[in-house]
Amino acid sequence: MGRVSDAKTRLMDAVSELLWTGSYGSTTIDQICEKAGVKKGSFYYFFDSKCELAVEALEASW
């Protein structure tokens, strides 16, 4: 049985917080990954772009 990861949830939480405290344009993928505690490869495993992550995170919060 494989290890269960919460990386996707942590990425969504991180981008939500960064967007509320800053702006979309000034938030980088590196900042998101650092805040979430995940590697950039994990980011791209779950999402194709920062836009895709932001949309999914905003939809989940509605």
PDB file of N, CA and C in Angstrom:
ATOM      1  N   MET A   1       0.844  -1.180   0.000  1.00  0.00           N
ATOM      2  CA  MET A   1       0.000   0.000   0.000  1.00  0.00           C
ATOM      3  C   MET A   1       0.882   1.234   0.000  1.00  0.00           C
ATOM      4  N   GLY A   2       0.590   2.198  -0.855  1.00  0.00           N
ATOM      5  CA  GLY A   2       1.382   3.409  -0.980  1.00  0.00           C
ATOM      6  C   GLY A   2       1.111   4.409   0.130  1.00  0.00           C
ATOM      7  N   ARG A   3       2.021   5.339   0.238  1.00  0.00           N
ATOM      8  CA  ARG A   3       1.902   6.383   1.243  1.00  0.00           C
ATOM      9  C   ARG A   3       0.856   7.403   0.794  1.00  0.00           C
ATOM     10  N   VAL A   4       0.022   7.847   1.709  1.00  0.00           N
ATOM     11  CA  VAL A   4      -1.000   8.839   1.409  1.00  0.00           C
ATOM     12  C   VAL A   4      -0.418  10.223   1.643  1.00  0.00           C
ATOM     13  N   SER A   5      -0.553  11.089   0.679  1.00  0.00           N
ATOM     14  CA  SER A   5       0.013  12.431   0.786  1.00  0.00           C
ATOM     15  C   SER A   5      -1.098  13.468   0.882  1.00  0.00           C
ATOM     16  N   ASP A   6      -0.847  14.483   1.693  1.00  0.00           N
ATOM     17  CA  ASP A   6      -1.781  15.601   1.784  1.00  0.00           C
ATOM     18  C   ASP A   6      -1.207  16.835   1.079  1.00  0.00           C
ATOM     19  N   ALA A   7      -0.250  16.603   0.192  1.00  0.00           N
ATOM     20  CA  ALA A   7       0.432  17.702  -0.482  1.00  0.00           C
ATOM     21  C   ALA A   7      -0.531  18.576  -1.284  1.00  0.00           C
ATOM     22  N   LYS A   8      -1.499  17.981  -1.947  1.00  0.00           N
ATOM     23  CA  LYS A   8      -2.439  18.760  -2.750  1.00  0.00           C
ATOM     24  C   LYS A   8      -3.235  19.714  -1.859  1.00  0.00           C
ATOM     25  N   THR A   9      -3.692  19.218  -0.732  1.00  0.00           N
ATOM     26  CA  THR A   9      -4.438  20.058   0.208  1.00  0.00           C
ATOM     27  C   THR A   9      -3.550  21.162   0.758  1.00  0.00           C
ATOM     28  N   ARG A  10      -2.318  20.827   1.104  1.00  0.00           N
ATOM     29  CA  ARG A  10      -1.397  21.844   1.626  1.00  0.00           C
ATOM     30  C   ARG A  10      -1.101  22.913   0.583  1.00  0.00           C
ATOM     31  N   LEU A  11      -0.977  22.527  -0.685  1.00  0.00           N
ATOM     32  CA  LEU A  11      -0.766  23.512  -1.758  1.00  0.00           C
ATOM     33  C   LEU A  11      -1.972  24.438  -1.890  1.00  0.00           C
ATOM     34  N   MET A  12      -3.165  23.861  -1.827  1.00  0.00           N
ATOM     35  CA  MET A  12      -4.381  24.673  -1.947  1.00  0.00           C
ATOM     36  C   MET A  12      -4.516  25.629  -0.755  1.00  0.00           C
ATOM     37  N   ASP A  13      -4.203  25.158   0.433  1.00  0.00           N
ATOM     38  CA  ASP A  13      -4.242  26.020   1.615  1.00  0.00           C
ATOM     39  C   ASP A  13      -3.209  27.141   1.514  1.00  0.00           C
ATOM     40  N   ALA A  14      -2.015  26.794   1.056  1.00  0.00           N
ATOM     41  CA  ALA A  14      -0.936  27.777   0.942  1.00  0.00           C
ATOM     42  C   ALA A  14      -1.279  28.868  -0.063  1.00  0.00           C
ATOM     43  N   VAL A  15      -1.791  28.492  -1.228  1.00  0.00           N
ATOM     44  CA  VAL A  15      -2.102  29.515  -2.224  1.00  0.00           C
ATOM     45  C   VAL A  15      -3.256  30.390  -1.760  1.00  0.00           C
ATOM     46  N   SER A  16      -4.211  29.807  -1.065  1.00  0.00           N
ATOM     47  CA  SER A  16      -5.325  30.612  -0.547  1.00  0.00           C
ATOM     48  C   SER A  16      -4.812  31.679   0.414  1.00  0.00           C
ATOM     49  N   GLU A  17      -3.944  31.274   1.331  1.00  0.00           N
ATOM     50  CA  GLU A  17      -3.400  32.229   2.296  1.00  0.00           C
ATOM     51  C   GLU A  17      -2.541  33.291   1.619  1.00  0.00           C
ATOM     52  N   LEU A  18      -1.701  32.867   0.683  1.00  0.00           N
ATOM     53  CA  LEU A  18      -0.834  33.827  -0.006  1.00  0.00           C
ATOM     54  C   LEU A  18      -1.635  34.817  -0.844  1.00  0.00           C
ATOM     55  N   LEU A  19      -2.721  34.367  -1.444  1.00  0.00           N
ATOM     56  CA  LEU A  19      -3.546  35.278  -2.240  1.00  0.00           C
ATOM     57  C   LEU A  19      -4.277  36.277  -1.350  1.00  0.00           C
ATOM     58  N   TRP A  20      -4.681  35.858  -0.156  1.00  0.00           N
ATOM     59  CA  TRP A  20      -5.369  36.770   0.764  1.00  0.00           C
ATOM     60  C   TRP A  20      -4.416  37.793   1.356  1.00  0.00           C
ATOM     61  N   THR A  21      -3.164  37.411   1.577  1.00  0.00           N
ATOM     62  CA  THR A  21      -2.213  38.326   2.196  1.00  0.00           C
ATOM     63  C   THR A  21      -1.399  39.113   1.175  1.00  0.00           C
ATOM     64  N   GLY A  22      -1.428  38.699  -0.080  1.00  0.00           N
ATOM     65  CA  GLY A  22      -0.667  39.382  -1.122  1.00  0.00           C
ATOM     66  C   GLY A  22      -1.521  39.547  -2.356  1.00  0.00           C
ATOM     67  N   SER A  23      -0.973  39.161  -3.482  1.00  0.00           N
ATOM     68  CA  SER A  23      -1.735  39.230  -4.729  1.00  0.00           C
ATOM     69  C   SER A  23      -1.344  38.056  -5.615  1.00  0.00           C
ATOM     70  N   TYR A  24      -2.187  37.768  -6.578  1.00  0.00           N
ATOM     71  CA  TYR A  24      -1.931  36.667  -7.497  1.00  0.00           C
ATOM     72  C   TYR A  24      -0.628  36.905  -8.262  1.00  0.00           C
ATOM     73  N   GLY A  25      -0.475  38.130  -8.766  1.00  0.00           N
ATOM     74  CA  GLY A  25       0.689  38.451  -9.586  1.00  0.00           C
ATOM     75  C   GLY A  25       2.009  38.369  -8.847  1.00  0.00           C
ATOM     76  N   SER A  26       1.997  38.685  -7.569  1.00  0.00           N
ATOM     77  CA  SER A  26       3.253  38.686  -6.817  1.00  0.00           C
ATOM     78  C   SER A  26       3.551  37.332  -6.169  1.00  0.00           C
ATOM     79  N   THR A  27       2.608  36.411  -6.200  1.00  0.00           N
ATOM     80  CA  THR A  27       2.806  35.094  -5.611  1.00  0.00           C
ATOM     81  C   THR A  27       3.455  34.167  -6.625  1.00  0.00           C
ATOM     82  N   THR A  28       4.560  33.545  -6.228  1.00  0.00           N
ATOM     83  CA  THR A  28       5.270  32.638  -7.129  1.00  0.00           C
ATOM     84  C   THR A  28       5.024  31.180  -6.732  1.00  0.00           C
ATOM     85  N   ILE A  29       5.279  30.296  -7.666  1.00  0.00           N
ATOM     86  CA  ILE A  29       5.164  28.872  -7.393  1.00  0.00           C
ATOM     87  C   ILE A  29       6.155  28.470  -6.307  1.00  0.00           C
ATOM     88  N   ASP A  30       7.344  29.050  -6.324  1.00  0.00           N
ATOM     89  CA  ASP A  30       8.325  28.754  -5.284  1.00  0.00           C
ATOM     90  C   ASP A  30       7.804  29.136  -3.903  1.00  0.00           C
ATOM     91  N   GLN A  31       7.153  30.285  -3.790  1.00  0.00           N
ATOM     92  CA  GLN A  31       6.580  30.711  -2.509  1.00  0.00           C
ATOM     93  C   GLN A  31       5.488  29.747  -2.053  1.00  0.00           C
ATOM     94  N   ILE A  32       4.646  29.348  -2.983  1.00  0.00           N
ATOM     95  CA  ILE A  32       3.564  28.410  -2.666  1.00  0.00           C
ATOM     96  C   ILE A  32       4.143  27.101  -2.149  1.00  0.00           C
ATOM     97  N   CYS A  33       5.134  26.565  -2.853  1.00  0.00           N
ATOM     98  CA  CYS A  33       5.751  25.300  -2.457  1.00  0.00           C
ATOM     99  C   CYS A  33       6.435  25.414  -1.102  1.00  0.00           C
ATOM    100  N   GLU A  34       7.118  26.520  -0.877  1.00  0.00           N
ATOM    101  CA  GLU A  34       7.792  26.716   0.406  1.00  0.00           C
ATOM    102  C   GLU A  34       6.783  26.765   1.549  1.00  0.00           C
ATOM    103  N   LYS A  35       5.713  27.525   1.372  1.00  0.00           N
ATOM    104  CA  LYS A  35       4.682  27.646   2.412  1.00  0.00           C
ATOM    105  C   LYS A  35       4.007  26.304   2.666  1.00  0.00           C
ATOM    106  N   ALA A  36       3.783  25.531   1.612  1.00  0.00           N
ATOM    107  CA  ALA A  36       3.113  24.233   1.733  1.00  0.00           C
ATOM    108  C   ALA A  36       4.057  23.135   2.218  1.00  0.00           C
ATOM    109  N   GLY A  37       5.358  23.400   2.127  1.00  0.00           N
ATOM    110  CA  GLY A  37       6.326  22.379   2.530  1.00  0.00           C
ATOM    111  C   GLY A  37       6.413  21.228   1.555  1.00  0.00           C
ATOM    112  N   VAL A  38       6.248  21.536   0.261  1.00  0.00           N
ATOM    113  CA  VAL A  38       6.350  20.497  -0.768  1.00  0.00           C
ATOM    114  C   VAL A  38       7.367  20.915  -1.820  1.00  0.00           C
ATOM    115  N   LYS A  39       7.856  19.940  -2.549  1.00  0.00           N
ATOM    116  CA  LYS A  39       8.812  20.215  -3.622  1.00  0.00           C
ATOM    117  C   LYS A  39       8.063  20.631  -4.883  1.00  0.00           C
ATOM    118  N   LYS A  40       8.769  21.326  -5.745  1.00  0.00           N
ATOM    119  CA  LYS A  40       8.146  21.832  -6.967  1.00  0.00           C
ATOM    120  C   LYS A  40       7.620  20.696  -7.842  1.00  0.00           C
ATOM    121  N   GLY A  41       8.284  19.560  -7.820  1.00  0.00           N
ATOM    122  CA  GLY A  41       7.811  18.409  -8.589  1.00  0.00           C
ATOM    123  C   GLY A  41       6.427  17.961  -8.145  1.00  0.00           C
ATOM    124  N   SER A  42       6.180  18.035  -6.847  1.00  0.00           N
ATOM    125  CA  SER A  42       4.852  17.684  -6.329  1.00  0.00           C
ATOM    126  C   SER A  42       3.810  18.671  -6.814  1.00  0.00           C
ATOM    127  N   PHE A  43       4.193  19.942  -6.862  1.00  0.00           N
ATOM    128  CA  PHE A  43       3.280  20.957  -7.382  1.00  0.00           C
ATOM    129  C   PHE A  43       2.827  20.565  -8.784  1.00  0.00           C
ATOM    130  N   TYR A  44       3.803  20.270  -9.654  1.00  0.00           N
ATOM    131  CA  TYR A  44       3.469  19.950 -11.046  1.00  0.00           C
ATOM    132  C   TYR A  44       2.831  18.571 -11.210  1.00  0.00           C
ATOM    133  N   TYR A  45       2.936  17.719 -10.201  1.00  0.00           N
ATOM    134  CA  TYR A  45       2.226  16.446 -10.242  1.00  0.00           C
ATOM    135  C   TYR A  45       0.713  16.687 -10.145  1.00  0.00           C
ATOM    136  N   PHE A  46       0.330  17.626  -9.307  1.00  0.00           N
ATOM    137  CA  PHE A  46      -1.082  17.910  -9.071  1.00  0.00           C
ATOM    138  C   PHE A  46      -1.660  18.991  -9.973  1.00  0.00           C
ATOM    139  N   PHE A  47      -0.854  19.973 -10.365  1.00  0.00           N
ATOM    140  CA  PHE A  47      -1.352  21.134 -11.106  1.00  0.00           C
ATOM    141  C   PHE A  47      -0.428  21.472 -12.274  1.00  0.00           C
ATOM    142  N   ASP A  48      -1.025  21.924 -13.375  1.00  0.00           N
ATOM    143  CA  ASP A  48      -0.238  22.309 -14.540  1.00  0.00           C
ATOM    144  C   ASP A  48       0.287  23.733 -14.420  1.00  0.00           C
ATOM    145  N   SER A  49      -0.366  24.549 -13.594  1.00  0.00           N
ATOM    146  CA  SER A  49       0.037  25.956 -13.498  1.00  0.00           C
ATOM    147  C   SER A  49      -0.460  26.561 -12.192  1.00  0.00           C
ATOM    148  N   LYS A  50       0.055  27.743 -11.895  1.00  0.00           N
ATOM    149  CA  LYS A  50      -0.405  28.488 -10.726  1.00  0.00           C
ATOM    150  C   LYS A  50      -1.875  28.849 -10.888  1.00  0.00           C
ATOM    151  N   CYS A  51      -2.278  29.157 -12.086  1.00  0.00           N
ATOM    152  CA  CYS A  51      -3.673  29.503 -12.367  1.00  0.00           C
ATOM    153  C   CYS A  51      -4.603  28.337 -12.030  1.00  0.00           C
ATOM    154  N   GLU A  52      -4.230  27.138 -12.465  1.00  0.00           N
ATOM    155  CA  GLU A  52      -5.060  25.964 -12.193  1.00  0.00           C
ATOM    156  C   GLU A  52      -5.196  25.732 -10.680  1.00  0.00           C
ATOM    157  N   LEU A  53      -4.093  25.872  -9.956  1.00  0.00           N
ATOM    158  CA  LEU A  53      -4.128  25.720  -8.501  1.00  0.00           C
ATOM    159  C   LEU A  53      -5.021  26.777  -7.866  1.00  0.00           C
ATOM    160  N   ALA A  54      -4.873  28.023  -8.275  1.00  0.00           N
ATOM    161  CA  ALA A  54      -5.661  29.113  -7.693  1.00  0.00           C
ATOM    162  C   ALA A  54      -7.152  28.908  -7.936  1.00  0.00           C
ATOM    163  N   VAL A  55      -7.512  28.511  -9.144  1.00  0.00           N
ATOM    164  CA  VAL A  55      -8.921  28.279  -9.470  1.00  0.00           C
ATOM    165  C   VAL A  55      -9.489  27.156  -8.614  1.00  0.00           C
ATOM    166  N   GLU A  56      -8.745  26.056  -8.507  1.00  0.00           N
ATOM    167  CA  GLU A  56      -9.240  24.922  -7.720  1.00  0.00           C
ATOM    168  C   GLU A  56      -9.354  25.287  -6.238  1.00  0.00           C
ATOM    169  N   ALA A  57      -8.394  26.039  -5.732  1.00  0.00           N
ATOM    170  CA  ALA A  57      -8.432  26.449  -4.326  1.00  0.00           C
ATOM    171  C   ALA A  57      -9.613  27.391  -4.052  1.00  0.00           C
ATOM    172  N   LEU A  58      -9.845  28.305  -4.980  1.00  0.00           N
ATOM    173  CA  LEU A  58     -10.975  29.241  -4.800  1.00  0.00           C
ATOM    174  C   LEU A  58     -12.320  28.519  -4.911  1.00  0.00           C
ATOM    175  N   GLU A  59     -12.416  27.582  -5.852  1.00  0.00           N
ATOM    176  CA  GLU A  59     -13.652  26.817  -5.992  1.00  0.00           C
ATOM    177  C   GLU A  59     -13.916  25.973  -4.735  1.00  0.00           C
ATOM    178  N   ALA A  60     -12.866  25.426  -4.148  1.00  0.00           N
ATOM    179  CA  ALA A  60     -13.033  24.607  -2.939  1.00  0.00           C
ATOM    180  C   ALA A  60     -13.469  25.446  -1.751  1.00  0.00           C
ATOM    181  N   SER A  61     -13.070  26.714  -1.741  1.00  0.00           N
ATOM    182  CA  SER A  61     -13.432  27.567  -0.604  1.00  0.00           C
ATOM    183  C   SER A  61     -14.838  28.140  -0.731  1.00  0.00           C
ATOM    184  N   TRP A  62     -15.446  28.046  -1.902  1.00  0.00           N
ATOM    185  CA  TRP A  62     -16.801  28.549  -2.089  1.00  0.00           C
ATOM    186  C   TRP A  62     -17.715  27.513  -1.564  1.00  0.00           C
TER     187      TRP A  62
END
